[in-house]
PDB file of N, CA and C in Angstrom:
ATOM      1  N   MET A   1       0.842  -1.173   0.000  1.00  0.00           N
ATOM      2  CA  MET A   1       0.000   0.000   0.000  1.00  0.00           C
ATOM      3  C   MET A   1       0.891   1.240   0.000  1.00  0.00           C
ATOM      4  N   ARG A   2       0.505   2.224  -0.783  1.00  0.00           N
ATOM      5  CA  ARG A   2       1.260   3.485  -0.832  1.00  0.00           C
ATOM      6  C   ARG A   2       0.965   4.318   0.397  1.00  0.00           C
ATOM      7  N   LYS A   3       1.942   5.107   0.792  1.00  0.00           N
ATOM      8  CA  LYS A   3       1.769   6.044   1.903  1.00  0.00           C
ATOM      9  C   LYS A   3       1.962   7.453   1.372  1.00  0.00           C
ATOM     10  N   TYR A   4       1.285   8.402   2.023  1.00  0.00           N
ATOM     11  CA  TYR A   4       1.350   9.798   1.597  1.00  0.00           C
ATOM     12  C   TYR A   4       1.642  10.676   2.793  1.00  0.00           C
ATOM     13  N   GLN A   5       2.360  11.737   2.538  1.00  0.00           N
ATOM     14  CA  GLN A   5       2.666  12.724   3.566  1.00  0.00           C
ATOM     15  C   GLN A   5       2.017  14.037   3.187  1.00  0.00           C
ATOM     16  N   LYS A   6       1.475  14.724   4.164  1.00  0.00           N
ATOM     17  CA  LYS A   6       0.855  16.018   3.896  1.00  0.00           C
ATOM     18  C   LYS A   6       1.896  16.984   3.346  1.00  0.00           C
ATOM     19  N   LYS A   7       1.536  17.650   2.262  1.00  0.00           N
ATOM     20  CA  LYS A   7       2.442  18.631   1.670  1.00  0.00           C
ATOM     21  C   LYS A   7       2.634  19.791   2.629  1.00  0.00           C
ATOM     22  N   SER A   8       3.820  20.286   2.642  1.00  0.00           N
ATOM     23  CA  SER A   8       4.130  21.424   3.492  1.00  0.00           C
ATOM     24  C   SER A   8       3.545  22.692   2.881  1.00  0.00           C
ATOM     25  N   SER A   9       2.869  23.463   3.700  1.00  0.00           N
ATOM     26  CA  SER A   9       2.358  24.750   3.246  1.00  0.00           C
ATOM     27  C   SER A   9       2.402  25.720   4.415  1.00  0.00           C
ATOM     28  N   VAL A  10       2.570  26.967   4.092  1.00  0.00           N
ATOM     29  CA  VAL A  10       2.607  27.995   5.120  1.00  0.00           C
ATOM     30  C   VAL A  10       1.248  28.692   5.132  1.00  0.00           C
ATOM     31  N   ILE A  11       0.679  28.805   6.309  1.00  0.00           N
ATOM     32  CA  ILE A  11      -0.616  29.453   6.478  1.00  0.00           C
ATOM     33  C   ILE A  11      -0.465  30.601   7.459  1.00  0.00           C
ATOM     34  N   GLU A  12      -1.451  31.472   7.496  1.00  0.00           N
ATOM     35  CA  GLU A  12      -1.533  32.502   8.529  1.00  0.00           C
ATOM     36  C   GLU A  12      -2.641  32.062   9.476  1.00  0.00           C
ATOM     37  N   ALA A  13      -2.469  32.301  10.764  1.00  0.00           N
ATOM     38  CA  ALA A  13      -3.500  31.904  11.719  1.00  0.00           C
ATOM     39  C   ALA A  13      -3.402  32.756  12.972  1.00  0.00           C
ATOM     40  N   VAL A  14      -4.531  32.869  13.655  1.00  0.00           N
ATOM     41  CA  VAL A  14      -4.578  33.547  14.951  1.00  0.00           C
ATOM     42  C   VAL A  14      -5.640  32.840  15.779  1.00  0.00           C
ATOM     43  N   GLN A  15      -5.373  32.730  17.071  1.00  0.00           N
ATOM     44  CA  GLN A  15      -6.331  32.090  17.954  1.00  0.00           C
ATOM     45  C   GLN A  15      -7.438  33.073  18.321  1.00  0.00           C
ATOM     46  N   LEU A  16      -8.686  32.618  18.229  1.00  0.00           N
ATOM     47  CA  LEU A  16      -9.836  33.473  18.486  1.00  0.00           C
ATOM     48  C   LEU A  16     -10.012  33.672  19.982  1.00  0.00           C
ATOM     49  N   ARG A  17      -9.653  34.845  20.436  1.00  0.00           N
ATOM     50  CA  ARG A  17      -9.807  35.280  21.826  1.00  0.00           C
ATOM     51  C   ARG A  17     -10.049  36.783  21.788  1.00  0.00           C
ATOM     52  N   TRP A  18     -10.734  37.297  22.810  1.00  0.00           N
ATOM     53  CA  TRP A  18     -10.939  38.751  22.847  1.00  0.00           C
ATOM     54  C   TRP A  18      -9.609  39.483  22.891  1.00  0.00           C
ATOM     55  N   SER A  19      -8.614  38.913  23.571  1.00  0.00           N
ATOM     56  CA  SER A  19      -7.313  39.587  23.666  1.00  0.00           C
ATOM     57  C   SER A  19      -6.590  39.625  22.324  1.00  0.00           C
ATOM     58  N   GLU A  20      -7.013  38.808  21.371  1.00  0.00           N
ATOM     59  CA  GLU A  20      -6.394  38.760  20.041  1.00  0.00           C
ATOM     60  C   GLU A  20      -7.311  39.350  18.966  1.00  0.00           C
ATOM     61  N   TRP A  21      -8.375  40.054  19.387  1.00  0.00           N
ATOM     62  CA  TRP A  21      -9.392  40.521  18.445  1.00  0.00           C
ATOM     63  C   TRP A  21      -8.816  41.342  17.300  1.00  0.00           C
ATOM     64  N   ASP A  22      -7.876  42.251  17.594  1.00  0.00           N
ATOM     65  CA  ASP A  22      -7.292  43.080  16.532  1.00  0.00           C
ATOM     66  C   ASP A  22      -6.565  42.217  15.501  1.00  0.00           C
ATOM     67  N   GLU A  23      -5.875  41.171  15.961  1.00  0.00           N
ATOM     68  CA  GLU A  23      -5.181  40.270  15.039  1.00  0.00           C
ATOM     69  C   GLU A  23      -6.173  39.465  14.204  1.00  0.00           C
ATOM     70  N   VAL A  24      -7.297  39.071  14.802  1.00  0.00           N
ATOM     71  CA  VAL A  24      -8.340  38.363  14.057  1.00  0.00           C
ATOM     72  C   VAL A  24      -8.845  39.263  12.930  1.00  0.00           C
ATOM     73  N   CYS A  25      -9.142  40.512  13.252  1.00  0.00           N
ATOM     74  CA  CYS A  25      -9.622  41.465  12.244  1.00  0.00           C
ATOM     75  C   CYS A  25      -8.578  41.695  11.153  1.00  0.00           C
ATOM     76  N   GLU A  26      -7.314  41.779  11.547  1.00  0.00           N
ATOM     77  CA  GLU A  26      -6.241  41.967  10.572  1.00  0.00           C
ATOM     78  C   GLU A  26      -6.148  40.758   9.638  1.00  0.00           C
ATOM     79  N   LEU A  27      -6.250  39.556  10.186  1.00  0.00           N
ATOM     80  CA  LEU A  27      -6.185  38.340   9.377  1.00  0.00           C
ATOM     81  C   LEU A  27      -7.338  38.290   8.381  1.00  0.00           C
ATOM     82  N   LEU A  28      -8.529  38.635   8.831  1.00  0.00           N
ATOM     83  CA  LEU A  28      -9.707  38.554   7.971  1.00  0.00           C
ATOM     84  C   LEU A  28      -9.746  39.656   6.914  1.00  0.00           C
ATOM     85  N   GLY A  29      -8.899  40.668   7.060  1.00  0.00           N
ATOM     86  CA  GLY A  29      -8.729  41.689   6.027  1.00  0.00           C
ATOM     87  C   GLY A  29     -10.011  42.313   5.527  1.00  0.00           C
ATOM     88  N   GLY A  30     -10.335  42.076   4.263  1.00  0.00           N
ATOM     89  CA  GLY A  30     -11.466  42.711   3.601  1.00  0.00           C
ATOM     90  C   GLY A  30     -12.807  42.461   4.245  1.00  0.00           C
ATOM     91  N   ILE A  31     -12.943  41.349   4.973  1.00  0.00           N
ATOM     92  CA  ILE A  31     -14.224  41.092   5.616  1.00  0.00           C
ATOM     93  C   ILE A  31     -14.234  41.528   7.074  1.00  0.00           C
ATOM     94  N   ALA A  32     -13.113  42.058   7.540  1.00  0.00           N
ATOM     95  CA  ALA A  32     -13.017  42.466   8.949  1.00  0.00           C
ATOM     96  C   ALA A  32     -14.012  43.559   9.292  1.00  0.00           C
ATOM     97  N   CYS A  33     -14.296  44.455   8.356  1.00  0.00           N
ATOM     98  CA  CYS A  33     -15.223  45.542   8.639  1.00  0.00           C
ATOM     99  C   CYS A  33     -16.621  44.999   8.913  1.00  0.00           C
ATOM    100  N   ALA A  34     -16.916  43.795   8.445  1.00  0.00           N
ATOM    101  CA  ALA A  34     -18.226  43.196   8.664  1.00  0.00           C
ATOM    102  C   ALA A  34     -18.369  42.650  10.082  1.00  0.00           C
ATOM    103  N   LEU A  35     -17.264  42.436  10.763  1.00  0.00           N
ATOM    104  CA  LEU A  35     -17.315  41.775  12.064  1.00  0.00           C
ATOM    105  C   LEU A  35     -18.171  42.509  13.074  1.00  0.00           C
ATOM    106  N   ARG A  36     -17.995  43.807  13.164  1.00  0.00           N
ATOM    107  CA  ARG A  36     -18.742  44.551  14.160  1.00  0.00           C
ATOM    108  C   ARG A  36     -20.046  45.114  13.595  1.00  0.00           C
ATOM    109  N   GLY A  37     -20.208  45.037  12.279  1.00  0.00           N
ATOM    110  CA  GLY A  37     -21.386  45.601  11.663  1.00  0.00           C
ATOM    111  C   GLY A  37     -22.525  44.623  11.459  1.00  0.00           C
ATOM    112  N   GLY A  38     -22.334  43.366  11.835  1.00  0.00           N
ATOM    113  CA  GLY A  38     -23.401  42.385  11.719  1.00  0.00           C
ATOM    114  C   GLY A  38     -23.711  41.973  10.283  1.00  0.00           C
ATOM    115  N   ALA A  39     -22.691  41.918   9.419  1.00  0.00           N
ATOM    116  CA  ALA A  39     -22.915  41.516   8.036  1.00  0.00           C
ATOM    117  C   ALA A  39     -23.360  40.057   7.975  1.00  0.00           C
ATOM    118  N   ARG A  40     -23.961  39.678   6.865  1.00  0.00           N
ATOM    119  CA  ARG A  40     -24.470  38.318   6.725  1.00  0.00           C
ATOM    120  C   ARG A  40     -23.353  37.289   6.687  1.00  0.00           C
ATOM    121  N   ALA A  41     -22.249  37.581   6.003  1.00  0.00           N
ATOM    122  CA  ALA A  41     -21.197  36.585   5.822  1.00  0.00           C
ATOM    123  C   ALA A  41     -20.447  36.288   7.112  1.00  0.00           C
ATOM    124  N   VAL A  42     -20.204  37.294   7.894  1.00  0.00           N
ATOM    125  CA  VAL A  42     -19.449  37.107   9.129  1.00  0.00           C
ATOM    126  C   VAL A  42     -20.154  37.868  10.227  1.00  0.00           C
ATOM    127  N   GLU A  43     -20.443  37.186  11.294  1.00  0.00           N
ATOM    128  CA  GLU A  43     -21.064  37.881  12.408  1.00  0.00           C
ATOM    129  C   GLU A  43     -20.360  37.472  13.694  1.00  0.00           C
ATOM    130  N   SER A  44     -20.345  38.356  14.637  1.00  0.00           N
ATOM    131  CA  SER A  44     -19.724  38.049  15.917  1.00  0.00           C
ATOM    132  C   SER A  44     -20.721  38.363  17.006  1.00  0.00           C
ATOM    133  N   HIS A  45     -20.549  37.726  18.119  1.00  0.00           N
ATOM    134  CA  HIS A  45     -21.374  38.101  19.258  1.00  0.00           C
ATOM    135  C   HIS A  45     -20.611  37.844  20.544  1.00  0.00           C
ATOM    136  N   TYR A  46     -21.043  38.478  21.562  1.00  0.00           N
ATOM    137  CA  TYR A  46     -20.405  38.420  22.863  1.00  0.00           C
ATOM    138  C   TYR A  46     -21.336  37.667  23.785  1.00  0.00           C
ATOM    139  N   SER A  47     -20.834  36.643  24.422  1.00  0.00           N
ATOM    140  CA  SER A  47     -21.661  35.878  25.352  1.00  0.00           C
ATOM    141  C   SER A  47     -21.332  36.315  26.767  1.00  0.00           C
ATOM    142  N   GLU A  48     -22.349  36.569  27.536  1.00  0.00           N
ATOM    143  CA  GLU A  48     -22.151  37.020  28.910  1.00  0.00           C
ATOM    144  C   GLU A  48     -21.418  35.967  29.726  1.00  0.00           C
ATOM    145  N   THR A  49     -20.759  36.396  30.772  1.00  0.00           N
ATOM    146  CA  THR A  49     -20.058  35.486  31.664  1.00  0.00           C
ATOM    147  C   THR A  49     -21.058  34.544  32.317  1.00  0.00           C
ATOM    148  N   CYS A  50     -20.715  33.266  32.320  1.00  0.00           N
ATOM    149  CA  CYS A  50     -21.556  32.252  32.957  1.00  0.00           C
ATOM    150  C   CYS A  50     -20.780  31.668  34.127  1.00  0.00           C
ATOM    151  N   GLY A  51     -21.178  31.977  35.341  1.00  0.00           N
ATOM    152  CA  GLY A  51     -20.483  31.456  36.510  1.00  0.00           C
ATOM    153  C   GLY A  51     -19.038  31.893  36.525  1.00  0.00           C
ATOM    154  N   ASP A  52     -18.138  30.923  36.624  1.00  0.00           N
ATOM    155  CA  ASP A  52     -16.709  31.217  36.669  1.00  0.00           C
ATOM    156  C   ASP A  52     -16.082  31.297  35.283  1.00  0.00           C
ATOM    157  N   HIS A  53     -16.871  31.027  34.241  1.00  0.00           N
ATOM    158  CA  HIS A  53     -16.315  31.023  32.903  1.00  0.00           C
ATOM    159  C   HIS A  53     -16.262  32.439  32.337  1.00  0.00           C
ATOM    160  N   PRO A  54     -15.151  32.809  31.692  1.00  0.00           N
ATOM    161  CA  PRO A  54     -15.049  34.152  31.106  1.00  0.00           C
ATOM    162  C   PRO A  54     -15.921  34.261  29.867  1.00  0.00           C
ATOM    163  N   PRO A  55     -16.225  35.470  29.431  1.00  0.00           N
ATOM    164  CA  PRO A  55     -16.962  35.652  28.191  1.00  0.00           C
ATOM    165  C   PRO A  55     -16.158  35.076  27.027  1.00  0.00           C
ATOM    166  N   PHE A  56     -16.838  34.707  25.971  1.00  0.00           N
ATOM    167  CA  PHE A  56     -16.136  34.126  24.839  1.00  0.00           C
ATOM    168  C   PHE A  56     -16.610  34.752  23.536  1.00  0.00           C
ATOM    169  N   ALA A  57     -15.817  34.527  22.510  1.00  0.00           N
ATOM    170  CA  ALA A  57     -16.118  35.071  21.189  1.00  0.00           C
ATOM    171  C   ALA A  57     -16.468  33.924  20.250  1.00  0.00           C
ATOM    172  N   GLU A  58     -17.336  34.185  19.308  1.00  0.00           N
ATOM    173  CA  GLU A  58     -17.637  33.258  18.227  1.00  0.00           C
ATOM    174  C   GLU A  58     -17.732  34.049  16.934  1.00  0.00           C
ATOM    175  N   LEU A  59     -17.298  33.439  15.852  1.00  0.00           N
ATOM    176  CA  LEU A  59     -17.417  34.059  14.531  1.00  0.00           C
ATOM    177  C   LEU A  59     -18.024  33.064  13.568  1.00  0.00           C
ATOM    178  N   MET A  60     -18.850  33.541  12.682  1.00  0.00           N
ATOM    179  CA  MET A  60     -19.335  32.752  11.563  1.00  0.00           C
ATOM    180  C   MET A  60     -18.412  33.103  10.404  1.00  0.00           C
ATOM    181  N   ILE A  61     -17.636  32.142   9.925  1.00  0.00           N
ATOM    182  CA  ILE A  61     -16.620  32.403   8.912  1.00  0.00           C
ATOM    183  C   ILE A  61     -17.043  31.808   7.574  1.00  0.00           C
ATOM    184  N   PRO A  62     -16.982  32.599   6.497  1.00  0.00           N
ATOM    185  CA  PRO A  62     -17.281  32.034   5.178  1.00  0.00           C
ATOM    186  C   PRO A  62     -16.099  31.184   4.711  1.00  0.00           C
ATOM    187  N   THR A  63     -16.344  29.906   4.439  1.00  0.00           N
ATOM    188  CA  THR A  63     -15.314  28.996   3.930  1.00  0.00           C
ATOM    189  C   THR A  63     -15.767  28.498   2.564  1.00  0.00           C
ATOM    190  N   PRO A  64     -14.892  27.839   1.817  1.00  0.00           N
ATOM    191  CA  PRO A  64     -15.328  27.267   0.533  1.00  0.00           C
ATOM    192  C   PRO A  64     -16.446  26.235   0.704  1.00  0.00           C
ATOM    193  N   ASP A  65     -16.590  25.687   1.908  1.00  0.00           N
ATOM    194  CA  ASP A  65     -17.617  24.684   2.183  1.00  0.00           C
ATOM    195  C   ASP A  65     -18.864  25.281   2.825  1.00  0.00           C
ATOM    196  N   GLY A  66     -18.964  26.595   2.855  1.00  0.00           N
ATOM    197  CA  GLY A  66     -20.098  27.259   3.489  1.00  0.00           C
ATOM    198  C   GLY A  66     -19.687  27.923   4.786  1.00  0.00           C
ATOM    199  N   LEU A  67     -20.658  28.457   5.519  1.00  0.00           N
ATOM    200  CA  LEU A  67     -20.365  29.139   6.767  1.00  0.00           C
ATOM    201  C   LEU A  67     -19.998  28.132   7.854  1.00  0.00           C
ATOM    202  N   ARG A  68     -18.943  28.430   8.601  1.00  0.00           N
ATOM    203  CA  ARG A  68     -18.497  27.584   9.708  1.00  0.00           C
ATOM    204  C   ARG A  68     -18.307  28.459  10.934  1.00  0.00           C
ATOM    205  N   ILE A  69     -18.558  27.897  12.097  1.00  0.00           N
ATOM    206  CA  ILE A  69     -18.404  28.641  13.341  1.00  0.00           C
ATOM    207  C   ILE A  69     -17.011  28.410  13.910  1.00  0.00           C
ATOM    208  N   ALA A  70     -16.329  29.510  14.231  1.00  0.00           N
ATOM    209  CA  ALA A  70     -15.081  29.459  14.992  1.00  0.00           C
ATOM    210  C   ALA A  70     -15.440  29.899  16.401  1.00  0.00           C
ATOM    211  N   ARG A  71     -15.175  29.050  17.359  1.00  0.00           N
ATOM    212  CA  ARG A  71     -15.494  29.354  18.751  1.00  0.00           C
ATOM    213  C   ARG A  71     -14.253  29.836  19.487  1.00  0.00           C
ATOM    214  N   HIS A  72     -14.485  30.488  20.606  1.00  0.00           N
ATOM    215  CA  HIS A  72     -13.405  31.010  21.434  1.00  0.00           C
ATOM    216  C   HIS A  72     -12.344  29.926  21.642  1.00  0.00           C
ATOM    217  N   GLY A  73     -11.096  30.255  21.355  1.00  0.00           N
ATOM    218  CA  GLY A  73      -9.989  29.315  21.508  1.00  0.00           C
ATOM    219  C   GLY A  73      -9.624  28.600  20.224  1.00  0.00           C
ATOM    220  N   ASP A  74     -10.554  28.529  19.243  1.00  0.00           N
ATOM    221  CA  ASP A  74     -10.231  27.929  17.950  1.00  0.00           C
ATOM    222  C   ASP A  74      -9.241  28.831  17.224  1.00  0.00           C
ATOM    223  N   PHE A  75      -8.534  28.276  16.268  1.00  0.00           N
ATOM    224  CA  PHE A  75      -7.670  29.069  15.416  1.00  0.00           C
ATOM    225  C   PHE A  75      -8.425  29.409  14.146  1.00  0.00           C
ATOM    226  N   VAL A  76      -8.267  30.623  13.677  1.00  0.00           N
ATOM    227  CA  VAL A  76      -8.802  31.039  12.390  1.00  0.00           C
ATOM    228  C   VAL A  76      -7.627  30.994  11.423  1.00  0.00           C
ATOM    229  N   ILE A  77      -7.754  30.186  10.395  1.00  0.00           N
ATOM    230  CA  ILE A  77      -6.665  29.949   9.443  1.00  0.00           C
ATOM    231  C   ILE A  77      -6.986  30.612   8.118  1.00  0.00           C
ATOM    232  N   LYS A  78      -5.971  31.218   7.526  1.00  0.00           N
ATOM    233  CA  LYS A  78      -6.053  31.723   6.152  1.00  0.00           C
ATOM    234  C   LYS A  78      -5.018  30.938   5.358  1.00  0.00           C
ATOM    235  N   ASN A  79      -5.458  30.144   4.390  1.00  0.00           N
ATOM    236  CA  ASN A  79      -4.513  29.324   3.639  1.00  0.00           C
ATOM    237  C   ASN A  79      -3.878  30.118   2.496  1.00  0.00           C
ATOM    238  N   ALA A  80      -3.022  29.456   1.729  1.00  0.00           N
ATOM    239  CA  ALA A  80      -2.281  30.117   0.657  1.00  0.00           C
ATOM    240  C   ALA A  80      -3.189  30.668  -0.438  1.00  0.00           C
ATOM    241  N   ARG A  81      -4.407  30.132  -0.570  1.00  0.00           N
ATOM    242  CA  ARG A  81      -5.357  30.622  -1.575  1.00  0.00           C
ATOM    243  C   ARG A  81      -6.231  31.748  -1.042  1.00  0.00           C
ATOM    244  N   GLY A  82      -6.000  32.149   0.223  1.00  0.00           N
ATOM    245  CA  GLY A  82      -6.791  33.224   0.809  1.00  0.00           C
ATOM    246  C   GLY A  82      -8.117  32.765   1.380  1.00  0.00           C
ATOM    247  N   GLU A  83      -8.299  31.456   1.533  1.00  0.00           N
ATOM    248  CA  GLU A  83      -9.535  30.910   2.083  1.00  0.00           C
ATOM    249  C   GLU A  83      -9.401  30.790   3.603  1.00  0.00           C
ATOM    250  N   PHE A  84     -10.509  30.964   4.300  1.00  0.00           N
ATOM    251  CA  PHE A  84     -10.515  30.919   5.755  1.00  0.00           C
ATOM    252  C   PHE A  84     -11.140  29.629   6.268  1.00  0.00           C
ATOM    253  N   TYR A  85     -10.621  29.146   7.397  1.00  0.00           N
ATOM    254  CA  TYR A  85     -11.139  27.947   8.046  1.00  0.00           C
ATOM    255  C   TYR A  85     -10.985  28.079   9.557  1.00  0.00           C
ATOM    256  N   PRO A  86     -11.939  27.574  10.327  1.00  0.00           N
ATOM    257  CA  PRO A  86     -11.716  27.443  11.767  1.00  0.00           C
ATOM    258  C   PRO A  86     -11.006  26.109  12.022  1.00  0.00           C
ATOM    259  N   CYS A  87     -10.222  26.049  13.087  1.00  0.00           N
ATOM    260  CA  CYS A  87      -9.488  24.828  13.415  1.00  0.00           C
ATOM    261  C   CYS A  87      -9.397  24.694  14.930  1.00  0.00           C
ATOM    262  N   LYS A  88      -9.759  23.534  15.455  1.00  0.00           N
ATOM    263  CA  LYS A  88      -9.678  23.284  16.896  1.00  0.00           C
ATOM    264  C   LYS A  88      -8.217  23.317  17.340  1.00  0.00           C
ATOM    265  N   PRO A  89      -7.943  23.812  18.560  1.00  0.00           N
ATOM    266  CA  PRO A  89      -6.567  23.955  19.033  1.00  0.00           C
ATOM    267  C   PRO A  89      -5.749  22.661  18.985  1.00  0.00           C
ATOM    268  N   ALA A  90      -6.311  21.530  19.379  1.00  0.00           N
ATOM    269  CA  ALA A  90      -5.558  20.271  19.383  1.00  0.00           C
ATOM    270  C   ALA A  90      -5.155  19.864  17.967  1.00  0.00           C
ATOM    271  N   VAL A  91      -6.060  20.027  17.017  1.00  0.00           N
ATOM    272  CA  VAL A  91      -5.764  19.695  15.621  1.00  0.00           C
ATOM    273  C   VAL A  91      -4.715  20.663  15.078  1.00  0.00           C
ATOM    274  N   PHE A  92      -4.859  21.943  15.419  1.00  0.00           N
ATOM    275  CA  PHE A  92      -3.903  22.951  14.958  1.00  0.00           C
ATOM    276  C   PHE A  92      -2.491  22.611  15.437  1.00  0.00           C
ATOM    277  N   ARG A  93      -2.362  22.282  16.707  1.00  0.00           N
ATOM    278  CA  ARG A  93      -1.035  21.990  17.271  1.00  0.00           C
ATOM    279  C   ARG A  93      -0.420  20.724  16.689  1.00  0.00           C
ATOM    280  N   GLU A  94      -1.244  19.752  16.317  1.00  0.00           N
ATOM    281  CA  GLU A  94      -0.736  18.521  15.698  1.00  0.00           C
ATOM    282  C   GLU A  94      -0.340  18.747  14.246  1.00  0.00           C
ATOM    283  N   THR A  95      -0.954  19.721  13.597  1.00  0.00           N
ATOM    284  CA  THR A  95      -0.779  19.913  12.161  1.00  0.00           C
ATOM    285  C   THR A  95       0.238  20.998  11.811  1.00  0.00           C
ATOM    286  N   TYR A  96       0.320  22.043  12.627  1.00  0.00           N
ATOM    287  CA  TYR A  96       1.142  23.201  12.273  1.00  0.00           C
ATOM    288  C   TYR A  96       2.171  23.515  13.339  1.00  0.00           C
ATOM    289  N   GLU A  97       3.251  24.142  12.912  1.00  0.00           N
ATOM    290  CA  GLU A  97       4.226  24.694  13.845  1.00  0.00           C
ATOM    291  C   GLU A  97       4.590  26.086  13.367  1.00  0.00           C
ATOM    292  N   ALA A  98       4.932  26.949  14.307  1.00  0.00           N
ATOM    293  CA  ALA A  98       5.249  28.337  13.969  1.00  0.00           C
ATOM    294  C   ALA A  98       6.520  28.415  13.138  1.00  0.00           C
ATOM    295  N   VAL A  99       6.535  29.335  12.191  1.00  0.00           N
ATOM    296  CA  VAL A  99       7.721  29.588  11.366  1.00  0.00           C
ATOM    297  C   VAL A  99       7.986  31.077  11.345  1.00  0.00           C
ATOM    298  N   GLY A 100       9.234  31.449  11.170  1.00  0.00           N
ATOM    299  CA  GLY A 100       9.582  32.851  11.011  1.00  0.00           C
ATOM    300  C   GLY A 100       9.553  33.678  12.285  1.00  0.00           C
ATOM    301  N   LEU A 101       9.465  33.052  13.424  1.00  0.00           N
ATOM    302  CA  LEU A 101       9.483  33.765  14.699  1.00  0.00           C
ATOM    303  C   LEU A 101      10.574  33.181  15.568  1.00  0.00           C
ATOM    304  N   ASP A 102      11.166  34.022  16.407  1.00  0.00           N
ATOM    305  CA  ASP A 102      12.113  33.442  17.343  1.00  0.00           C
ATOM    306  C   ASP A 102      11.333  32.698  18.424  1.00  0.00           C
ATOM    307  N   ASP A 103      11.968  31.792  19.149  1.00  0.00           N
ATOM    308  CA  ASP A 103      11.281  30.941  20.126  1.00  0.00           C
ATOM    309  C   ASP A 103      10.517  31.727  21.169  1.00  0.00           C
ATOM    310  N   ALA A 104      10.999  32.900  21.552  1.00  0.00           N
ATOM    311  CA  ALA A 104      10.338  33.692  22.592  1.00  0.00           C
ATOM    312  C   ALA A 104       8.994  34.249  22.123  1.00  0.00           C
ATOM    313  N   ASN A 105       8.829  34.398  20.800  1.00  0.00           N
ATOM    314  CA  ASN A 105       7.605  35.018  20.282  1.00  0.00           C
ATOM    315  C   ASN A 105       6.616  34.030  19.702  1.00  0.00           C
ATOM    316  N   GLN A 106       6.920  32.740  19.722  1.00  0.00           N
ATOM    317  CA  GLN A 106       6.012  31.756  19.136  1.00  0.00           C
ATOM    318  C   GLN A 106       4.809  31.567  20.026  1.00  0.00           C
ATOM    319  N   LYS A 107       3.617  31.585  19.408  1.00  0.00           N
ATOM    320  CA  LYS A 107       2.369  31.353  20.120  1.00  0.00           C
ATOM    321  C   LYS A 107       1.620  30.240  19.423  1.00  0.00           C
ATOM    322  N   ALA A 108       1.117  29.314  20.187  1.00  0.00           N
ATOM    323  CA  ALA A 108       0.220  28.284  19.648  1.00  0.00           C
ATOM    324  C   ALA A 108      -0.249  27.402  20.762  1.00  0.00           C
TER     325      ALA A 108
END
């Protein structure tokens, strides 16, 4: 049986958190202005604090496969074709590693 290895590709990504909101908007570029304006393609909302849990962010992201929800803590990925995808943190860490940053500045 043949075996295959995932091709190496460089992506841009940021973890969805309120503390990273400006970076999320920067990554989303042309659709970032829709985030706070309640546009149909991308919408955000703020969930009130529940007990000891902090408030969280969610985004509806347009992907080639339709709208997908990125929840607080997920990574928002922009691939080489400029397409966006949400990615769970565990999958992100297994699939990607930081490039172009010194060790002190790597986040993931």
